[in-house]
Amino acid sequence: MTTEQELQSLFNTLDSDRDGKVSINDLFLSPGLSAIISSETNTTSPQELLVNYDSDKDGSITFEELKGAVEKANNLN
């Protein structure tokens, strides 16, 4: 389980270009952090995360989309 602050810190680390979105490329470039996200969202891969939680279908995950995925998995403190 993670706190919102920890989740924001993880998101910021993955958002290397600081555009407010984490792309599939960002996720693949950080396999360790991607594993944490997969664990917290109960997904098996970055692709599954995008398919299930990229609500605007732009090919990336915003913090709010990630937060929603973690909340749905009941892993947000």
N, C-alpha and C. Protein backbone atom coordinates (compact mmCIF):
# COMPACT_ATOMS: atom_id res chain seq x y z
N MET A 1 0.84 -1.19 0.00
CA MET A 1 0.00 0.00 0.00
C MET A 1 0.88 1.24 0.00
N THR A 2 0.36 2.27 -0.57
CA THR A 2 1.12 3.51 -0.71
C THR A 2 0.25 4.69 -0.31
N THR A 3 0.91 5.76 0.04
CA THR A 3 0.17 6.99 0.31
C THR A 3 0.10 7.81 -0.97
N GLU A 4 -0.79 8.79 -0.98
CA GLU A 4 -0.90 9.64 -2.16
C GLU A 4 0.41 10.38 -2.41
N GLN A 5 1.08 10.80 -1.35
CA GLN A 5 2.36 11.51 -1.50
C GLN A 5 3.42 10.60 -2.11
N GLU A 6 3.48 9.35 -1.68
CA GLU A 6 4.43 8.40 -2.25
C GLU A 6 4.10 8.13 -3.71
N LEU A 7 2.82 8.02 -4.01
CA LEU A 7 2.40 7.80 -5.38
C LEU A 7 2.77 8.99 -6.27
N GLN A 8 2.58 10.20 -5.75
CA GLN A 8 2.95 11.41 -6.51
C GLN A 8 4.45 11.44 -6.76
N SER A 9 5.24 11.07 -5.78
CA SER A 9 6.69 11.04 -5.94
C SER A 9 7.11 10.01 -7.00
N LEU A 10 6.49 8.85 -6.97
CA LEU A 10 6.76 7.82 -7.98
C LEU A 10 6.37 8.32 -9.36
N PHE A 11 5.20 8.92 -9.47
CA PHE A 11 4.74 9.46 -10.74
C PHE A 11 5.72 10.51 -11.26
N ASN A 12 6.14 11.43 -10.39
CA ASN A 12 7.06 12.48 -10.81
C ASN A 12 8.38 11.91 -11.30
N THR A 13 8.85 10.84 -10.67
CA THR A 13 10.09 10.20 -11.10
C THR A 13 9.93 9.61 -12.50
N LEU A 14 8.79 9.00 -12.76
CA LEU A 14 8.54 8.41 -14.08
C LEU A 14 8.29 9.46 -15.16
N ASP A 15 7.73 10.60 -14.78
CA ASP A 15 7.39 11.66 -15.73
C ASP A 15 8.64 12.47 -16.04
N SER A 16 9.55 11.86 -16.80
CA SER A 16 10.87 12.45 -17.04
C SER A 16 10.82 13.78 -17.79
N ASP A 17 9.84 13.97 -18.67
CA ASP A 17 9.77 15.23 -19.41
C ASP A 17 8.85 16.26 -18.75
N ARG A 18 8.30 15.90 -17.60
CA ARG A 18 7.47 16.80 -16.78
C ARG A 18 6.25 17.37 -17.53
N ASP A 19 5.65 16.51 -18.36
CA ASP A 19 4.46 16.97 -19.09
C ASP A 19 3.16 16.57 -18.40
N GLY A 20 3.27 15.96 -17.20
CA GLY A 20 2.08 15.57 -16.46
C GLY A 20 1.51 14.23 -16.89
N LYS A 21 2.26 13.51 -17.72
CA LYS A 21 1.82 12.22 -18.22
C LYS A 21 2.97 11.24 -18.20
N VAL A 22 2.65 9.98 -17.99
CA VAL A 22 3.65 8.92 -18.07
C VAL A 22 3.28 8.05 -19.26
N SER A 23 4.18 8.01 -20.24
CA SER A 23 3.93 7.23 -21.45
C SER A 23 4.38 5.79 -21.25
N ILE A 24 4.01 4.94 -22.18
CA ILE A 24 4.45 3.56 -22.11
C ILE A 24 5.97 3.49 -22.19
N ASN A 25 6.58 4.40 -22.95
CA ASN A 25 8.04 4.43 -23.03
C ASN A 25 8.65 4.76 -21.68
N ASP A 26 8.06 5.72 -20.95
CA ASP A 26 8.55 6.05 -19.61
C ASP A 26 8.50 4.82 -18.71
N LEU A 27 7.41 4.06 -18.83
CA LEU A 27 7.25 2.87 -18.00
C LEU A 27 8.29 1.80 -18.34
N PHE A 28 8.56 1.61 -19.63
CA PHE A 28 9.54 0.60 -20.03
C PHE A 28 10.97 1.03 -19.70
N LEU A 29 11.23 2.33 -19.64
CA LEU A 29 12.57 2.81 -19.31
C LEU A 29 12.88 2.68 -17.82
N SER A 30 11.87 2.43 -17.01
CA SER A 30 12.05 2.29 -15.57
C SER A 30 11.40 0.99 -15.10
N PRO A 31 12.01 -0.15 -15.41
CA PRO A 31 11.36 -1.42 -15.09
C PRO A 31 11.12 -1.63 -13.60
N GLY A 32 11.99 -1.16 -12.75
CA GLY A 32 11.78 -1.31 -11.31
C GLY A 32 10.57 -0.53 -10.83
N LEU A 33 10.44 0.71 -11.31
CA LEU A 33 9.30 1.53 -10.92
C LEU A 33 8.02 1.00 -11.55
N SER A 34 8.13 0.48 -12.75
CA SER A 34 6.96 -0.12 -13.40
C SER A 34 6.46 -1.32 -12.61
N ALA A 35 7.38 -2.08 -12.03
CA ALA A 35 6.99 -3.24 -11.22
C ALA A 35 6.22 -2.78 -9.99
N ILE A 36 6.64 -1.68 -9.40
CA ILE A 36 5.93 -1.13 -8.24
C ILE A 36 4.52 -0.71 -8.65
N ILE A 37 4.42 -0.02 -9.77
CA ILE A 37 3.10 0.41 -10.26
C ILE A 37 2.22 -0.80 -10.56
N SER A 38 2.78 -1.81 -11.20
CA SER A 38 2.00 -3.01 -11.50
C SER A 38 1.49 -3.64 -10.21
N SER A 39 2.34 -3.69 -9.21
CA SER A 39 1.94 -4.25 -7.92
C SER A 39 0.83 -3.43 -7.27
N GLU A 40 0.97 -2.13 -7.28
CA GLU A 40 0.00 -1.25 -6.63
C GLU A 40 -1.33 -1.18 -7.37
N THR A 41 -1.32 -1.45 -8.67
CA THR A 41 -2.55 -1.36 -9.46
C THR A 41 -3.13 -2.73 -9.81
N ASN A 42 -2.45 -3.79 -9.37
CA ASN A 42 -2.86 -5.16 -9.68
C ASN A 42 -2.93 -5.40 -11.19
N THR A 43 -1.99 -4.82 -11.92
CA THR A 43 -1.87 -5.08 -13.36
C THR A 43 -0.59 -5.87 -13.59
N THR A 44 -0.50 -6.52 -14.74
CA THR A 44 0.67 -7.35 -15.01
C THR A 44 1.70 -6.68 -15.92
N SER A 45 1.32 -5.58 -16.56
CA SER A 45 2.24 -4.95 -17.50
C SER A 45 1.84 -3.49 -17.74
N PRO A 46 2.79 -2.70 -18.25
CA PRO A 46 2.43 -1.32 -18.62
C PRO A 46 1.30 -1.27 -19.64
N GLN A 47 1.28 -2.23 -20.57
CA GLN A 47 0.22 -2.26 -21.57
C GLN A 47 -1.15 -2.45 -20.91
N GLU A 48 -1.21 -3.35 -19.93
CA GLU A 48 -2.49 -3.59 -19.24
C GLU A 48 -2.92 -2.35 -18.48
N LEU A 49 -1.97 -1.66 -17.87
CA LEU A 49 -2.29 -0.41 -17.17
C LEU A 49 -2.91 0.58 -18.13
N LEU A 50 -2.31 0.75 -19.30
CA LEU A 50 -2.85 1.70 -20.28
C LEU A 50 -4.22 1.28 -20.79
N VAL A 51 -4.37 0.01 -21.12
CA VAL A 51 -5.64 -0.47 -21.64
C VAL A 51 -6.77 -0.23 -20.64
N ASN A 52 -6.49 -0.49 -19.37
CA ASN A 52 -7.54 -0.42 -18.36
C ASN A 52 -7.75 0.96 -17.75
N TYR A 53 -6.73 1.82 -17.74
CA TYR A 53 -6.86 3.06 -16.97
C TYR A 53 -6.56 4.35 -17.73
N ASP A 54 -6.21 4.25 -19.00
CA ASP A 54 -5.98 5.45 -19.82
C ASP A 54 -7.35 5.95 -20.29
N SER A 55 -8.03 6.69 -19.43
CA SER A 55 -9.43 7.05 -19.68
C SER A 55 -9.62 7.92 -20.92
N ASP A 56 -8.64 8.77 -21.24
CA ASP A 56 -8.80 9.61 -22.43
C ASP A 56 -8.14 9.00 -23.68
N LYS A 57 -7.61 7.81 -23.53
CA LYS A 57 -7.02 7.03 -24.65
C LYS A 57 -5.96 7.81 -25.43
N ASP A 58 -5.13 8.57 -24.69
CA ASP A 58 -4.06 9.31 -25.36
C ASP A 58 -2.72 8.58 -25.34
N GLY A 59 -2.70 7.35 -24.84
CA GLY A 59 -1.48 6.55 -24.82
C GLY A 59 -0.57 6.83 -23.64
N SER A 60 -1.07 7.55 -22.66
CA SER A 60 -0.29 7.83 -21.47
C SER A 60 -1.20 7.88 -20.25
N ILE A 61 -0.58 7.85 -19.09
CA ILE A 61 -1.30 7.86 -17.82
C ILE A 61 -1.01 9.16 -17.08
N THR A 62 -2.06 9.85 -16.68
CA THR A 62 -1.89 11.04 -15.84
C THR A 62 -1.86 10.60 -14.38
N PHE A 63 -1.50 11.52 -13.49
CA PHE A 63 -1.49 11.18 -12.08
C PHE A 63 -2.88 10.77 -11.61
N GLU A 64 -3.90 11.47 -12.05
CA GLU A 64 -5.26 11.14 -11.62
C GLU A 64 -5.69 9.76 -12.10
N GLU A 65 -5.29 9.38 -13.33
CA GLU A 65 -5.60 8.05 -13.83
C GLU A 65 -4.86 6.99 -13.01
N LEU A 66 -3.60 7.25 -12.69
CA LEU A 66 -2.83 6.32 -11.87
C LEU A 66 -3.42 6.21 -10.48
N LYS A 67 -3.77 7.33 -9.90
CA LYS A 67 -4.37 7.34 -8.57
C LYS A 67 -5.66 6.52 -8.58
N GLY A 68 -6.48 6.68 -9.62
CA GLY A 68 -7.72 5.92 -9.74
C GLY A 68 -7.45 4.42 -9.81
N ALA A 69 -6.41 4.04 -10.52
CA ALA A 69 -6.06 2.62 -10.64
C ALA A 69 -5.63 2.06 -9.29
N VAL A 70 -4.85 2.81 -8.55
CA VAL A 70 -4.39 2.36 -7.23
C VAL A 70 -5.57 2.31 -6.25
N GLU A 71 -6.46 3.30 -6.33
CA GLU A 71 -7.65 3.29 -5.46
C GLU A 71 -8.54 2.09 -5.78
N LYS A 72 -8.71 1.78 -7.06
CA LYS A 72 -9.55 0.65 -7.46
C LYS A 72 -8.96 -0.66 -6.93
N ALA A 73 -7.65 -0.74 -6.84
CA ALA A 73 -6.99 -1.93 -6.32
C ALA A 73 -6.94 -1.94 -4.78
N ASN A 74 -7.53 -0.90 -4.18
CA ASN A 74 -7.55 -0.76 -2.72
C ASN A 74 -6.15 -0.72 -2.11
N ASN A 75 -5.23 -0.05 -2.79
CA ASN A 75 -3.85 0.04 -2.32
C ASN A 75 -3.42 1.46 -1.99
N LEU A 76 -4.38 2.37 -1.80
CA LEU A 76 -4.02 3.75 -1.47
C LEU A 76 -4.41 4.00 -0.02
N ASN A 77 -3.44 4.43 0.76
CA ASN A 77 -3.69 4.78 2.17
C ASN A 77 -4.13 6.22 2.28
